[in-house]
Amino acid sequence: MTRSSSASSRTSRARICHRSRKPERSPWFWTSSACERAARWAGAKTKQRRQAASLDPALVARAKTAADRITGFSSRITSNRLEIAFADETELAELVEALEQAAST
């Protein structure tokens, strides 16, 4: 059975962290971030951090206003999503009706 690269990377980091926590090698009070740093220095694979998309504030405001006006619900725009919150199944049904009505016009 072969391990995925993330599993093997995770076990490498755990092994390095376990070794680094031995009293003869380093202090016992290392934090998990210190262990992660030691693993990176030892060559463990890490994921790249995602860059937040920079959106035009005027376009974000227009999209939020349009979504609020069409659905009647308060909306929120994050870096890559338009989110419309609803509390229960009734509100979801109202949201679906509003979207269907907007799509048909």
Protein backbone atom coordinates (compact mmCIF):
# COMPACT_ATOMS: atom_id res chain seq x y z
CA MET A 1 0.00 0.00 0.00
CA THR A 2 1.44 3.36 -0.97
CA ARG A 3 0.93 6.55 0.94
CA SER A 4 -0.11 9.80 -0.62
CA SER A 5 2.47 12.56 -0.69
CA SER A 6 0.57 14.53 1.95
CA ALA A 7 0.48 11.54 4.29
CA SER A 8 4.19 10.88 3.87
CA SER A 9 4.90 14.58 4.31
CA ARG A 10 2.80 14.60 7.47
CA THR A 11 4.63 11.57 8.88
CA SER A 12 8.00 13.16 8.03
CA ARG A 13 7.03 16.30 9.91
CA ALA A 14 5.80 14.26 12.86
CA ARG A 15 9.03 12.23 12.94
CA ILE A 16 11.18 15.37 12.83
CA CYS A 17 9.07 17.03 15.51
CA HIS A 18 9.26 13.95 17.73
CA ARG A 19 13.04 13.83 17.33
CA SER A 20 13.39 17.53 18.05
CA ARG A 21 11.41 17.19 21.28
CA LYS A 22 13.86 14.70 22.79
CA PRO A 23 15.54 16.37 25.76
CA GLU A 24 19.08 15.69 24.56
CA ARG A 25 18.42 17.43 21.24
CA SER A 26 16.38 20.51 22.09
CA PRO A 27 14.09 22.05 24.72
CA TRP A 28 10.89 20.20 25.68
CA PHE A 29 8.82 23.36 25.33
CA TRP A 30 8.89 23.63 21.56
CA THR A 31 5.59 24.76 20.12
CA SER A 32 3.93 23.10 17.17
CA SER A 33 4.97 26.01 14.95
CA ALA A 34 8.59 25.46 15.99
CA CYS A 35 8.22 21.80 15.07
CA GLU A 36 6.74 22.78 11.70
CA ARG A 37 9.66 25.16 11.13
CA ALA A 38 12.15 22.41 11.99
CA ALA A 39 10.39 20.09 9.57
CA ARG A 40 10.58 22.68 6.78
CA TRP A 41 14.29 23.19 7.45
CA ALA A 42 14.75 19.42 7.25
CA GLY A 43 13.08 19.38 3.83
CA ALA A 44 9.47 18.38 4.54
CA LYS A 45 7.01 19.36 1.85
CA THR A 46 4.64 22.24 2.56
CA LYS A 47 1.65 23.68 0.74
CA GLN A 48 1.83 27.09 -0.87
CA ARG A 49 -0.32 29.76 0.78
CA ARG A 50 -3.14 31.03 -1.40
CA GLN A 51 -3.00 34.66 -2.39
CA ALA A 52 -6.22 36.55 -1.69
CA ALA A 53 -7.69 37.94 -4.87
CA SER A 54 -7.64 41.71 -4.96
CA LEU A 55 -11.06 42.82 -6.12
CA ASP A 56 -12.15 46.23 -7.26
CA PRO A 57 -14.10 47.74 -4.31
CA ALA A 58 -16.58 49.47 -6.64
CA LEU A 59 -17.33 46.18 -8.41
CA VAL A 60 -17.74 44.40 -5.04
CA ALA A 61 -20.22 47.07 -3.90
CA ARG A 62 -22.19 46.76 -7.16
CA ALA A 63 -22.34 42.96 -6.88
CA LYS A 64 -23.41 43.09 -3.23
CA THR A 65 -26.12 45.67 -3.95
CA ALA A 66 -27.42 43.68 -6.92
CA ALA A 67 -27.51 40.40 -4.94
CA ASP A 68 -29.27 42.10 -2.01
CA ARG A 69 -31.82 43.70 -4.34
CA ILE A 70 -32.53 40.51 -6.33
CA THR A 71 -32.79 38.12 -3.37
CA GLY A 72 -34.02 40.35 -0.57
CA PHE A 73 -31.37 38.76 1.67
CA SER A 74 -28.18 40.24 3.00
CA SER A 75 -25.15 39.01 1.07
CA ARG A 76 -21.41 39.00 1.62
CA ILE A 77 -18.52 38.89 -0.83
CA THR A 78 -15.25 37.20 0.09
CA SER A 79 -12.14 36.83 -2.06
CA ASN A 80 -13.70 34.21 -4.32
CA ARG A 81 -17.37 33.81 -3.30
CA LEU A 82 -20.70 35.56 -3.06
CA GLU A 83 -22.37 34.29 0.11
CA ILE A 84 -26.07 34.58 0.92
CA ALA A 85 -26.98 33.42 4.43
CA PHE A 86 -30.32 31.87 5.31
CA ALA A 87 -31.58 30.60 8.66
CA ASP A 88 -33.91 27.74 7.83
CA GLU A 89 -35.65 25.82 5.06
CA THR A 90 -38.36 28.46 4.69
CA GLU A 91 -35.81 31.19 4.01
CA LEU A 92 -34.01 28.88 1.59
CA ALA A 93 -37.28 28.34 -0.29
CA GLU A 94 -37.80 32.13 -0.45
CA LEU A 95 -34.26 32.58 -1.73
CA VAL A 96 -34.76 29.95 -4.43
CA GLU A 97 -38.03 31.58 -5.54
CA ALA A 98 -36.33 34.99 -5.77
CA LEU A 99 -33.47 33.55 -7.82
CA GLU A 100 -35.80 31.63 -10.12
CA GLN A 101 -37.89 34.76 -10.65
CA ALA A 102 -34.76 36.77 -11.45
CA ALA A 103 -33.59 34.10 -13.90
CA SER A 104 -36.91 34.02 -15.75
CA THR A 105 -37.03 37.77 -16.42
